[in-house]
Amino acid sequence: MTPPPTRYGAIDVGSNSIRLLVADYTPEGGLAVIDELKDQPRLAKGLAHSGRLDQRAMDRAVEAIGRMRDVAQRRGVTDLRAVATAAVREASNGEAFVARIRQLGVPLTIIDADTEARLSYRSIAYHFTLDDSRTIVLDIGGGSLEIVGAVRGFVELSQSLPLGAVRLSELYLPSTRSVHRELPRLRRRIRKALKQHIDCRSWTGAQVFGSGGSFTNLGRIAAARRGRPTSAVHGLTVTTAEVEHLLEWLASMEPAERRRVAGLNPARSDIIIAGLVVTAEMLARIESPSLTVSAFGLREGLLLEAAGVSATPTEDPAALARDFAHRCQCDHRHIEQVRLLALQLFDRLARPLGADPSERDLLEQAALLHDVGQLISYRKRHRHSFELIMHAERLGLSTDDRTMVAFIARYHRKKGPSMRDDDFARLPRPERRIVRRMSALLRIADGLDRGYSGVVTTIRTRLTDHRLRITPIGKTPDVDLSLECWGAQRRTGALSRLLDRPVAVIPRQPSTR
């Protein structure tokens, strides 16, 4: 009998937010999040001027951590770890605050800047496939900016600078003044600090990842501006030009107007400007064209360390998709059969459909994941597959690719893509076309395994000016494919519209010899 996974808990006591993460870990499935909780006592409030943690902020933090302790206990956490970062580390009364937390039975420790940076990097290395050259990981907290630079997986740079979003907002962007007028002074201050500590020649063009609330909010604002779902921004790429445009746009707003910006957490509306200025100056310093948003950070790194997991790059997306499908209790043989048939259809019809070779990978992912929604409901599995794919934690896909894979899986049955679906309608036109093409192929491939029996081994196609004929071939010459042909024929409408001709699914006639 397989022993139950170890249940871990991690509490990150940051300068702005305090977060709890509860997760199980197994070598096969990685981290599986069970619960999470967040509060924003803003411990760094007033720290830049007084050098001490604000009494009311500490009281709020103690109350929040007490709730998190209760959640961890009720969730059956057997290994709870808690760390405090910049604000508690720098405050003259930080140790007294830690003592209050330990009285709650929570083993809070203050970690140094190097440890904080290392944990953030561990999380990035676990959730992303890093390239073979240089990687920069940024984490903008309330009190500090943590910078980690790695070359081929080896950390070469670990730097903590007093450039946190709360600290900078209090010092340079007081609400009584015009934010737009104060920006040049703040930018000069940040530029000077980065110039003193970051050798641009060593890190020019590095792959950049952003971890923490400043970057997830940046990702959500960018996603909303692009007309994309804002609920899942892990892996989203934001260009340097976008950062600059968003900074200028948000800085031009009144505080009340900024709180209404789509994708922005209203509780961060007063510190988002400082976070974006740090981001823009850092990207300019190393001449990077973009950054990738990570929804995971220090907490995940802490859990991975507790579980003894090395910071290794993720597996290939197909392996991660198979693992996720397995955890969703999908029929392994069926999803592999649908994958096989979908790729055969792609290889035969990509050219007449006008499909790019890169779309083949999206189709493969969607085929492996199309049935994950049956974990929630068989009848509405296509809808639930969309939601599960959009929110899965480890698929190794960029945000754009994840979105298209989710839509392709969403339309593998029932009605196909429709502009009446608001989320689909908001996709850029080229991506809507990809979804239409690939979901049309996936629908037929799924239909060709209607009996979940895997009897179809090969597909032949014949395209003429008048119709497309699809001929499934079975394992043996006399195998009955009537159910498979019926299942596929019912799904041909979308492909027929794309090709502007009828599609017929007809089994090979048995030999009369």
Protein backbone atom coordinates (compact mmCIF):
# COMPACT_ATOMS: atom_id res chain seq x y z
CA MET A 1 0.00 0.00 0.00
CA THR A 2 1.37 3.41 -1.03
CA PRO A 3 2.01 5.64 2.01
CA PRO A 4 0.17 8.98 2.06
CA PRO A 5 2.19 11.99 0.89
CA THR A 6 3.77 14.28 3.43
CA ARG A 7 1.72 17.42 3.98
CA TYR A 8 3.80 20.58 4.25
CA GLY A 9 2.92 24.13 5.22
CA ALA A 10 4.85 27.34 4.53
CA ILE A 11 4.17 30.82 5.88
CA ASP A 12 5.93 33.75 4.22
CA VAL A 13 5.87 36.84 6.45
CA GLY A 14 6.65 39.53 3.92
CA SER A 15 6.85 43.27 4.17
CA ASN A 16 3.46 43.78 2.53
CA SER A 17 1.67 40.43 2.61
CA ILE A 18 1.64 37.30 4.73
CA ARG A 19 0.83 34.08 2.90
CA LEU A 20 0.21 30.48 3.88
CA LEU A 21 0.58 27.60 1.45
CA VAL A 22 -0.39 24.01 2.30
CA ALA A 23 0.67 21.30 -0.15
CA ASP A 24 1.28 17.59 -0.48
CA TYR A 25 4.43 16.40 -2.18
CA THR A 26 5.11 13.16 -4.03
CA PRO A 27 8.02 12.47 -6.40
CA GLU A 28 5.54 11.48 -9.11
CA GLY A 29 3.14 14.40 -8.85
CA GLY A 30 5.32 17.13 -7.38
CA LEU A 31 3.64 19.74 -5.22
CA ALA A 32 -0.15 19.55 -5.04
CA VAL A 33 -1.65 22.65 -3.41
CA ILE A 34 -4.27 21.84 -0.77
CA ASP A 35 -5.01 25.26 0.68
CA GLU A 36 -3.71 28.81 0.80
CA LEU A 37 -4.48 31.96 2.73
CA LYS A 38 -3.36 35.55 2.35
CA ASP A 39 -3.53 38.71 4.42
CA GLN A 40 -1.98 42.16 3.95
CA PRO A 41 -1.06 43.69 7.32
CA ARG A 42 1.66 45.72 5.56
CA LEU A 43 4.40 45.27 8.15
CA ALA A 44 6.69 47.65 6.29
CA LYS A 45 4.31 50.59 6.80
CA GLY A 46 6.28 53.46 8.33
CA LEU A 47 9.46 51.39 8.60
CA ALA A 48 11.42 53.62 6.21
CA HIS A 49 10.95 56.61 8.55
CA SER A 50 10.90 55.04 12.02
CA GLY A 51 13.05 51.92 11.64
CA ARG A 52 10.41 50.01 13.62
CA LEU A 53 7.44 47.80 12.83
CA ASP A 54 4.16 49.63 13.31
CA GLN A 55 2.27 48.39 16.40
CA ARG A 56 -1.08 48.10 14.62
CA ALA A 57 0.52 46.33 11.67
CA MET A 58 2.12 43.83 14.07
CA ASP A 59 -1.23 43.21 15.79
CA ARG A 60 -2.85 42.53 12.41
CA ALA A 61 0.01 40.22 11.48
CA VAL A 62 -0.26 38.25 14.74
CA GLU A 63 -3.98 37.80 14.16
CA ALA A 64 -3.43 36.68 10.55
CA ILE A 65 -0.68 34.20 11.46
CA GLY A 66 -2.88 32.77 14.20
CA ARG A 67 -5.56 32.03 11.58
CA MET A 68 -2.97 30.46 9.32
CA ARG A 69 -1.75 28.25 12.14
CA ASP A 70 -5.33 27.06 12.68
CA VAL A 71 -5.79 26.32 8.97
CA ALA A 72 -2.52 24.38 8.87
CA GLN A 73 -3.51 22.31 11.89
CA ARG A 74 -6.96 21.50 10.54
CA ARG A 75 -5.47 20.60 7.19
CA GLY A 76 -3.21 18.05 8.84
CA VAL A 77 0.13 19.75 8.17
CA THR A 78 2.94 17.71 9.68
CA ASP A 79 5.82 20.01 8.73
CA LEU A 80 5.11 23.74 9.12
CA ARG A 81 7.80 26.29 8.31
CA ALA A 82 7.58 30.07 8.61
CA VAL A 83 10.05 32.73 7.55
CA ALA A 84 10.17 36.51 7.83
CA THR A 85 11.93 38.69 5.28
CA ALA A 86 13.05 42.29 4.80
CA ALA A 87 10.71 44.26 7.07
CA VAL A 88 11.20 42.05 10.13
CA ARG A 89 14.87 41.60 9.28
CA GLU A 90 15.55 45.34 9.30
CA ALA A 91 13.24 46.54 12.09
CA SER A 92 14.73 47.28 15.50
CA ASN A 93 11.78 45.49 17.09
CA GLY A 94 11.83 42.57 14.63
CA GLU A 95 13.03 40.05 17.20
CA ALA A 96 10.26 41.07 19.60
CA PHE A 97 7.71 40.47 16.83
CA VAL A 98 9.20 37.02 16.16
CA ALA A 99 8.90 36.17 19.86
CA ARG A 100 5.16 37.03 19.74
CA ILE A 101 4.66 34.71 16.79
CA ARG A 102 6.53 31.85 18.43
CA GLN A 103 4.18 32.13 21.39
CA LEU A 104 1.45 31.08 18.93
CA GLY A 105 3.31 27.84 18.29
CA VAL A 106 4.52 28.96 14.86
CA PRO A 107 8.30 28.43 14.36
CA LEU A 108 8.99 31.77 12.70
CA THR A 109 12.60 32.54 11.78
CA ILE A 110 14.17 35.58 10.15
CA ILE A 111 16.05 34.65 6.99
CA ASP A 112 18.85 36.66 5.45
CA ALA A 113 18.69 38.15 1.98
CA ASP A 114 20.76 35.36 0.39
CA THR A 115 18.41 32.68 1.72
CA GLU A 116 15.38 34.66 0.55
CA ALA A 117 16.84 34.96 -2.93
CA ARG A 118 17.85 31.30 -3.05
CA LEU A 119 14.34 30.12 -2.15
CA SER A 120 12.79 32.31 -4.85
CA TYR A 121 15.24 30.95 -7.41
CA ARG A 122 14.51 27.36 -6.35
CA SER A 123 10.83 27.92 -7.09
CA ILE A 124 11.55 29.40 -10.53
CA ALA A 125 13.93 26.58 -11.44
CA TYR A 126 11.31 24.02 -10.44
CA HIS A 127 8.42 25.58 -12.37
CA PHE A 128 10.21 26.69 -15.56
CA THR A 129 12.61 25.19 -18.04
CA LEU A 130 15.52 27.61 -17.88
CA ASP A 131 17.76 28.11 -20.89
CA ASP A 132 21.45 27.24 -20.89
CA SER A 133 22.76 30.76 -20.52
CA ARG A 134 21.86 33.42 -17.96
CA THR A 135 18.79 33.84 -15.81
CA ILE A 136 17.73 36.75 -13.60
CA VAL A 137 15.01 36.28 -10.96
CA LEU A 138 13.42 39.40 -9.47
CA ASP A 139 11.23 39.51 -6.37
CA ILE A 140 9.89 42.92 -5.36
CA GLY A 141 8.64 42.80 -1.80
CA GLY A 142 7.32 45.59 0.36
CA GLY A 143 10.72 46.38 1.80
CA SER A 144 13.33 45.14 -0.65
CA LEU A 145 14.16 43.99 -4.15
CA GLU A 146 15.77 40.55 -4.28
CA ILE A 147 17.87 39.81 -7.36
CA VAL A 148 19.25 36.38 -8.21
CA GLY A 149 21.44 35.79 -11.24
CA ALA A 150 22.30 32.27 -12.37
CA VAL A 151 24.49 30.94 -15.15
CA ARG A 152 23.59 27.44 -16.33
CA GLY A 153 21.89 26.76 -13.02
CA PHE A 154 24.69 28.05 -10.81
CA VAL A 155 23.88 31.16 -8.76
CA GLU A 156 26.44 33.85 -9.50
CA LEU A 157 24.58 36.90 -8.17
CA SER A 158 22.51 37.36 -5.01
CA GLN A 159 21.65 40.93 -4.17
CA SER A 160 19.14 42.55 -1.82
CA LEU A 161 18.45 46.25 -2.33
CA PRO A 162 16.16 48.55 -0.29
CA LEU A 163 13.85 49.03 -3.26
CA GLY A 164 10.62 47.49 -1.98
CA ALA A 165 7.28 48.78 -3.22
CA VAL A 166 6.00 49.96 0.18
CA ARG A 167 9.31 51.57 1.15
CA LEU A 168 9.66 53.49 -2.12
CA SER A 169 6.02 54.57 -2.12
CA GLU A 170 6.34 56.08 1.34
CA LEU A 171 9.64 57.83 0.59
CA TYR A 172 9.02 59.09 -2.94
CA LEU A 173 5.34 58.81 -3.86
CA PRO A 174 3.27 60.26 -0.99
CA SER A 175 -0.37 60.39 -1.92
CA THR A 176 -0.61 64.14 -1.37
CA ARG A 177 1.59 64.84 -4.38
CA SER A 178 1.26 64.21 -8.07
CA VAL A 179 2.65 60.75 -8.75
CA HIS A 180 3.48 61.68 -12.32
CA ARG A 181 5.66 64.63 -11.22
CA GLU A 182 7.58 62.52 -8.71
CA LEU A 183 8.42 59.69 -11.11
CA PRO A 184 11.63 61.17 -12.59
CA ARG A 185 13.18 61.56 -9.13
CA LEU A 186 12.24 58.01 -8.17
CA ARG A 187 13.59 56.61 -11.41
CA ARG A 188 16.91 58.37 -10.93
CA ARG A 189 17.17 56.97 -7.39
CA ILE A 190 16.51 53.42 -8.54
CA ARG A 191 18.77 53.74 -11.57
CA LYS A 192 21.63 54.87 -9.37
CA ALA A 193 21.16 51.95 -6.95
CA LEU A 194 21.07 49.39 -9.75
CA LYS A 195 24.13 50.89 -11.41
CA GLN A 196 26.10 50.51 -8.18
CA HIS A 197 25.21 46.85 -7.68
CA ILE A 198 24.38 45.28 -11.05
CA ASP A 199 27.05 44.83 -13.72
CA CYS A 200 24.99 45.26 -16.87
CA ARG A 201 27.72 43.74 -19.05
CA SER A 202 27.46 40.42 -17.24
CA TRP A 203 23.67 40.17 -17.44
CA THR A 204 22.67 41.94 -20.66
CA GLY A 205 19.94 40.00 -22.43
CA ALA A 206 19.44 37.51 -19.60
CA GLN A 207 16.21 35.54 -19.32
CA VAL A 208 14.18 37.44 -16.69
CA PHE A 209 11.52 36.08 -14.32
CA GLY A 210 9.42 38.11 -11.90
CA SER A 211 8.12 36.54 -8.70
CA GLY A 212 5.77 38.03 -6.12
CA GLY A 213 2.71 40.25 -5.93
CA SER A 214 4.10 43.15 -7.95
CA PHE A 215 4.65 40.86 -10.92
CA THR A 216 1.43 38.86 -10.70
CA ASN A 217 -0.48 42.14 -10.61
CA LEU A 218 1.54 43.37 -13.58
CA GLY A 219 0.63 40.15 -15.37
CA ARG A 220 -3.07 40.48 -14.59
CA ILE A 221 -3.20 44.09 -15.78
CA ALA A 222 -1.40 43.13 -19.00
CA ALA A 223 -3.72 40.14 -19.51
CA ALA A 224 -6.81 42.31 -19.00
CA ARG A 225 -5.49 44.86 -21.49
CA ARG A 226 -5.01 42.06 -24.02
CA GLY A 227 -8.53 40.78 -23.45
CA ARG A 228 -7.33 37.58 -21.80
CA PRO A 229 -8.44 35.82 -18.61
CA THR A 230 -6.71 37.36 -15.60
CA SER A 231 -7.09 34.38 -13.28
CA ALA A 232 -4.02 32.50 -14.52
CA VAL A 233 -0.94 34.57 -15.40
CA HIS A 234 1.78 32.08 -14.52
CA GLY A 235 4.17 32.00 -17.47
CA LEU A 236 2.81 35.19 -19.05
CA THR A 237 5.44 37.19 -20.95
CA VAL A 238 5.26 40.97 -20.60
CA THR A 239 7.43 43.09 -22.86
CA THR A 240 9.54 45.97 -21.63
CA ALA A 241 7.51 48.30 -23.81
CA GLU A 242 4.31 47.10 -22.10
CA VAL A 243 5.82 47.78 -18.68
CA GLU A 244 6.69 51.34 -19.69
CA HIS A 245 3.25 51.97 -21.22
CA LEU A 246 1.43 50.58 -18.19
CA LEU A 247 3.60 52.64 -15.86
CA GLU A 248 2.85 55.85 -17.73
CA TRP A 249 -0.88 54.99 -17.93
CA LEU A 250 -1.27 54.15 -14.23
CA ALA A 251 0.80 57.13 -13.10
CA SER A 252 -1.57 59.46 -14.95
CA MET A 253 -4.55 58.28 -12.87
CA GLU A 254 -6.00 59.52 -9.62
CA PRO A 255 -5.81 56.95 -6.77
CA ALA A 256 -9.54 56.17 -6.91
CA GLU A 257 -9.33 55.60 -10.65
CA ARG A 258 -6.31 53.32 -10.27
CA ARG A 259 -8.22 51.11 -7.81
CA ARG A 260 -10.70 50.30 -10.57
CA VAL A 261 -8.12 49.10 -13.11
CA ALA A 262 -8.97 45.63 -14.38
CA GLY A 263 -6.55 43.01 -13.10
CA LEU A 264 -5.08 45.18 -10.32
CA ASN A 265 -5.71 44.23 -6.72
CA PRO A 266 -7.19 47.43 -5.20
CA ALA A 267 -5.10 46.86 -2.06
CA ARG A 268 -1.97 47.27 -4.20
CA SER A 269 -3.11 50.33 -6.12
CA ASP A 270 -1.03 52.66 -3.95
CA ILE A 271 2.23 50.70 -4.34
CA ILE A 272 1.97 49.29 -7.88
CA ILE A 273 3.64 52.39 -9.38
CA ALA A 274 6.81 51.90 -7.33
CA GLY A 275 6.91 48.22 -8.27
CA LEU A 276 6.60 49.04 -11.97
CA VAL A 277 9.34 51.67 -11.76
CA VAL A 278 11.73 49.13 -10.25
CA THR A 279 10.75 46.63 -12.94
CA ALA A 280 11.21 49.11 -15.79
CA GLU A 281 14.61 50.30 -14.54
CA MET A 282 15.87 46.75 -14.00
CA LEU A 283 14.83 45.69 -17.50
CA ALA A 284 16.51 48.78 -18.91
CA ARG A 285 19.67 48.12 -16.90
CA ILE A 286 20.20 44.67 -18.41
CA GLU A 287 18.61 45.56 -21.78
CA SER A 288 16.06 42.77 -21.56
CA PRO A 289 13.15 42.86 -24.03
CA SER A 290 10.68 41.14 -21.69
CA LEU A 291 10.09 39.25 -18.47
CA THR A 292 8.10 36.15 -17.57
CA VAL A 293 5.67 36.22 -14.65
CA SER A 294 5.82 33.46 -12.06
CA ALA A 295 2.83 32.81 -9.83
CA PHE A 296 5.14 30.91 -7.50
CA GLY A 297 7.80 32.24 -5.20
CA LEU A 298 9.41 32.00 -1.81
CA ARG A 299 6.69 29.81 -0.23
CA GLU A 300 7.02 27.18 -2.91
CA GLY A 301 10.79 27.31 -2.58
CA LEU A 302 10.42 26.77 1.16
CA LEU A 303 8.17 23.75 0.61
CA LEU A 304 10.52 22.29 -1.99
CA GLU A 305 13.42 22.68 0.42
CA ALA A 306 11.41 21.02 3.19
CA ALA A 307 10.62 18.11 0.85
CA GLY A 308 14.27 17.80 -0.18
CA VAL A 309 13.53 18.53 -3.84
CA SER A 310 16.40 19.85 -5.92
CA ALA A 311 15.89 22.93 -8.08
CA THR A 312 15.84 21.16 -11.41
CA PRO A 313 14.16 22.28 -14.61
CA THR A 314 10.71 20.96 -15.33
CA GLU A 315 10.11 17.99 -17.55
CA ASP A 316 8.87 18.41 -21.09
CA PRO A 317 5.25 19.62 -21.43
CA ALA A 318 3.98 16.25 -22.72
CA ALA A 319 5.29 14.48 -19.62
CA LEU A 320 3.72 17.10 -17.38
CA ALA A 321 0.41 16.81 -19.26
CA ARG A 322 0.40 13.03 -18.83
CA ASP A 323 1.12 13.40 -15.13
CA PHE A 324 -1.71 15.91 -14.69
CA ALA A 325 -4.12 13.69 -16.64
CA HIS A 326 -3.15 10.76 -14.44
CA ARG A 327 -3.83 12.78 -11.29
CA CYS A 328 -7.23 13.70 -12.75
CA GLN A 329 -7.96 9.96 -13.13
CA CYS A 330 -8.20 10.04 -16.92
CA ASP A 331 -8.33 6.84 -18.94
CA HIS A 332 -4.65 6.56 -19.93
CA ARG A 333 -5.26 4.38 -22.95
CA HIS A 334 -7.97 6.71 -24.30
CA ILE A 335 -5.96 9.93 -24.08
CA GLU A 336 -2.97 8.27 -25.75
CA GLN A 337 -5.24 6.97 -28.51
CA VAL A 338 -6.78 10.39 -29.08
CA ARG A 339 -3.30 11.92 -29.14
CA LEU A 340 -2.16 9.39 -31.76
CA LEU A 341 -5.17 9.95 -34.02
CA ALA A 342 -5.17 13.74 -33.62
CA LEU A 343 -1.52 13.99 -34.67
CA GLN A 344 -2.16 11.72 -37.67
CA LEU A 345 -4.97 14.03 -38.74
CA PHE A 346 -2.72 17.05 -38.28
CA ASP A 347 0.06 15.55 -40.38
CA ARG A 348 -2.39 14.90 -43.22
CA LEU A 349 -4.46 18.08 -43.08
CA ALA A 350 -2.18 20.82 -41.74
CA ARG A 351 -1.40 22.21 -45.18
CA PRO A 352 -4.99 22.52 -46.49
CA LEU A 353 -6.01 24.00 -43.13
CA GLY A 354 -3.20 26.54 -43.28
CA ALA A 355 -1.80 25.36 -39.94
CA ASP A 356 1.67 26.22 -38.74
CA PRO A 357 3.88 23.30 -37.57
CA SER A 358 3.97 24.83 -34.06
CA GLU A 359 0.23 24.15 -33.74
CA ARG A 360 0.99 20.42 -33.60
CA ASP A 361 2.38 20.77 -30.07
CA LEU A 362 -0.76 22.60 -28.93
CA LEU A 363 -2.91 19.85 -30.37
CA GLU A 364 -0.85 17.18 -28.63
CA GLN A 365 -1.21 18.93 -25.29
CA ALA A 366 -4.95 19.36 -25.75
CA ALA A 367 -5.36 15.71 -26.70
CA LEU A 368 -3.57 14.57 -23.55
CA LEU A 369 -5.61 16.96 -21.38
CA HIS A 370 -9.01 17.01 -23.08
CA ASP A 371 -10.66 14.69 -20.55
CA VAL A 372 -9.27 16.03 -17.26
CA GLY A 373 -12.61 17.69 -16.53
CA GLN A 374 -14.30 14.31 -16.05
CA LEU A 375 -12.77 14.38 -12.57
CA ILE A 376 -15.54 16.88 -11.73
CA SER A 377 -18.36 15.98 -14.09
CA TYR A 378 -18.62 13.54 -17.00
CA ARG A 379 -21.40 15.39 -18.79
CA LYS A 380 -19.70 18.78 -18.59
CA ARG A 381 -16.15 17.54 -18.71
CA HIS A 382 -15.23 19.78 -21.64
CA ARG A 383 -16.10 22.91 -19.63
CA HIS A 384 -14.32 21.68 -16.52
CA SER A 385 -11.28 20.69 -18.61
CA PHE A 386 -10.94 24.33 -19.63
CA GLU A 387 -10.93 25.51 -16.01
CA LEU A 388 -8.55 22.82 -14.79
CA ILE A 389 -6.05 23.46 -17.58
CA MET A 390 -6.17 27.21 -16.98
CA HIS A 391 -5.41 26.73 -13.29
CA ALA A 392 -3.09 23.70 -13.32
CA GLU A 393 0.13 24.53 -11.51
CA ARG A 394 2.70 22.64 -13.55
CA LEU A 395 2.16 22.19 -17.27
CA GLY A 396 5.33 23.79 -18.61
CA LEU A 397 3.31 26.04 -20.96
CA SER A 398 3.48 29.76 -21.55
CA THR A 399 0.32 31.65 -20.64
CA ASP A 400 -0.63 32.11 -24.31
CA ASP A 401 -0.11 28.43 -25.11
CA ARG A 402 -1.96 27.36 -21.96
CA THR A 403 -4.94 29.49 -22.98
CA MET A 404 -5.10 28.01 -26.47
CA VAL A 405 -4.68 24.45 -25.19
CA ALA A 406 -7.50 25.06 -22.71
CA PHE A 407 -9.80 26.36 -25.46
CA ILE A 408 -8.94 23.50 -27.83
CA ALA A 409 -9.81 21.02 -25.07
CA ARG A 410 -12.92 23.04 -24.20
CA TYR A 411 -14.32 22.58 -27.70
CA HIS A 412 -13.49 18.91 -28.20
CA ARG A 413 -17.19 18.03 -27.81
CA LYS A 414 -20.67 19.57 -27.84
CA LYS A 415 -20.73 22.94 -29.62
CA GLY A 416 -17.55 24.15 -31.26
CA PRO A 417 -15.92 27.58 -30.93
CA SER A 418 -18.44 30.41 -30.89
CA MET A 419 -18.15 34.17 -30.75
CA ARG A 420 -21.01 34.05 -28.26
CA ASP A 421 -18.47 32.70 -25.80
CA ASP A 422 -17.10 35.98 -24.41
CA ASP A 423 -13.74 34.49 -23.36
CA PHE A 424 -13.18 33.01 -26.82
CA ALA A 425 -14.31 36.22 -28.53
CA ARG A 426 -11.68 38.19 -26.61
CA LEU A 427 -8.83 36.12 -28.04
CA PRO A 428 -6.82 37.77 -30.82
CA ARG A 429 -8.05 36.68 -34.25
CA PRO A 430 -4.95 34.57 -35.13
CA GLU A 431 -5.37 32.59 -31.91
CA ARG A 432 -9.10 32.08 -32.53
CA ARG A 433 -8.17 30.58 -35.87
CA ILE A 434 -5.70 28.19 -34.24
CA VAL A 435 -8.34 27.09 -31.74
CA ARG A 436 -10.87 26.50 -34.52
CA ARG A 437 -8.42 24.41 -36.56
CA MET A 438 -7.03 22.30 -33.75
CA SER A 439 -10.34 21.72 -31.96
CA ALA A 440 -11.86 20.56 -35.28
CA LEU A 441 -9.17 17.86 -35.51
CA LEU A 442 -9.44 16.94 -31.82
CA ARG A 443 -13.21 16.49 -32.09
CA ILE A 444 -12.81 13.89 -34.82
CA ALA A 445 -9.92 12.13 -33.08
CA ASP A 446 -11.99 11.83 -29.91
CA GLY A 447 -14.94 10.53 -31.91
CA LEU A 448 -12.73 7.86 -33.50
CA ASP A 449 -12.27 6.37 -30.03
CA ARG A 450 -15.95 6.63 -29.07
CA GLY A 451 -15.89 3.18 -27.54
CA TYR A 452 -12.68 3.83 -25.55
CA SER A 453 -11.38 0.62 -27.11
CA GLY A 454 -8.37 1.81 -29.12
CA VAL A 455 -9.27 -0.30 -32.15
CA VAL A 456 -8.32 2.32 -34.76
CA THR A 457 -4.61 2.18 -35.53
CA THR A 458 -4.23 4.35 -38.63
CA ILE A 459 -6.08 7.07 -40.49
CA ARG A 460 -6.02 7.68 -44.21
CA THR A 461 -7.42 10.79 -45.85
CA ARG A 462 -8.35 11.74 -49.39
CA LEU A 463 -9.07 15.39 -50.10
CA THR A 464 -10.71 16.39 -53.38
CA ASP A 465 -12.42 19.53 -54.59
CA HIS A 466 -15.73 18.00 -53.54
CA ARG A 467 -15.12 16.35 -50.18
CA LEU A 468 -12.71 15.01 -47.59
CA ARG A 469 -12.84 11.28 -46.98
CA ILE A 470 -11.41 9.97 -43.70
CA THR A 471 -10.76 6.24 -43.59
CA PRO A 472 -10.00 4.69 -40.20
CA ILE A 473 -8.15 1.37 -40.29
CA GLY A 474 -8.52 -1.13 -37.46
CA LYS A 475 -6.16 -3.53 -35.76
CA THR A 476 -7.47 -6.40 -37.82
CA PRO A 477 -9.15 -6.44 -41.26
CA ASP A 478 -12.48 -7.64 -39.89
CA VAL A 479 -12.76 -5.35 -36.83
CA ASP A 480 -16.08 -3.52 -36.56
CA LEU A 481 -15.49 0.23 -36.73
CA SER A 482 -19.11 1.30 -37.06
CA LEU A 483 -19.23 2.90 -33.60
CA GLU A 484 -15.97 4.80 -34.22
CA CYS A 485 -17.12 6.06 -37.60
CA TRP A 486 -20.47 7.13 -36.16
CA GLY A 487 -18.74 8.92 -33.29
CA ALA A 488 -16.37 10.76 -35.63
CA GLN A 489 -18.99 11.61 -38.28
CA ARG A 490 -21.04 13.47 -35.66
CA ARG A 491 -18.01 15.69 -35.00
CA THR A 492 -17.15 16.65 -38.59
CA GLY A 493 -19.13 19.89 -38.81
CA ALA A 494 -16.33 22.20 -37.65
CA LEU A 495 -13.77 20.67 -40.01
CA SER A 496 -16.25 20.75 -42.88
CA ARG A 497 -16.76 24.47 -42.41
CA LEU A 498 -13.02 25.13 -42.34
CA LEU A 499 -12.42 23.15 -45.54
CA ASP A 500 -15.64 24.37 -47.18
CA ARG A 501 -16.63 20.85 -48.25
CA PRO A 502 -18.33 17.79 -46.75
CA VAL A 503 -16.35 15.39 -44.59
CA ALA A 504 -17.19 11.71 -44.68
CA VAL A 505 -15.83 9.12 -42.24
CA ILE A 506 -16.03 5.75 -43.98
CA PRO A 507 -14.30 2.53 -42.87
CA ARG A 508 -12.11 0.62 -45.28
CA GLN A 509 -14.09 -1.99 -47.14
CA PRO A 510 -13.04 -5.56 -46.33
CA SER A 511 -11.26 -7.47 -49.05
CA THR A 512 -13.52 -9.74 -51.16
CA ARG A 513 -10.73 -12.17 -51.91
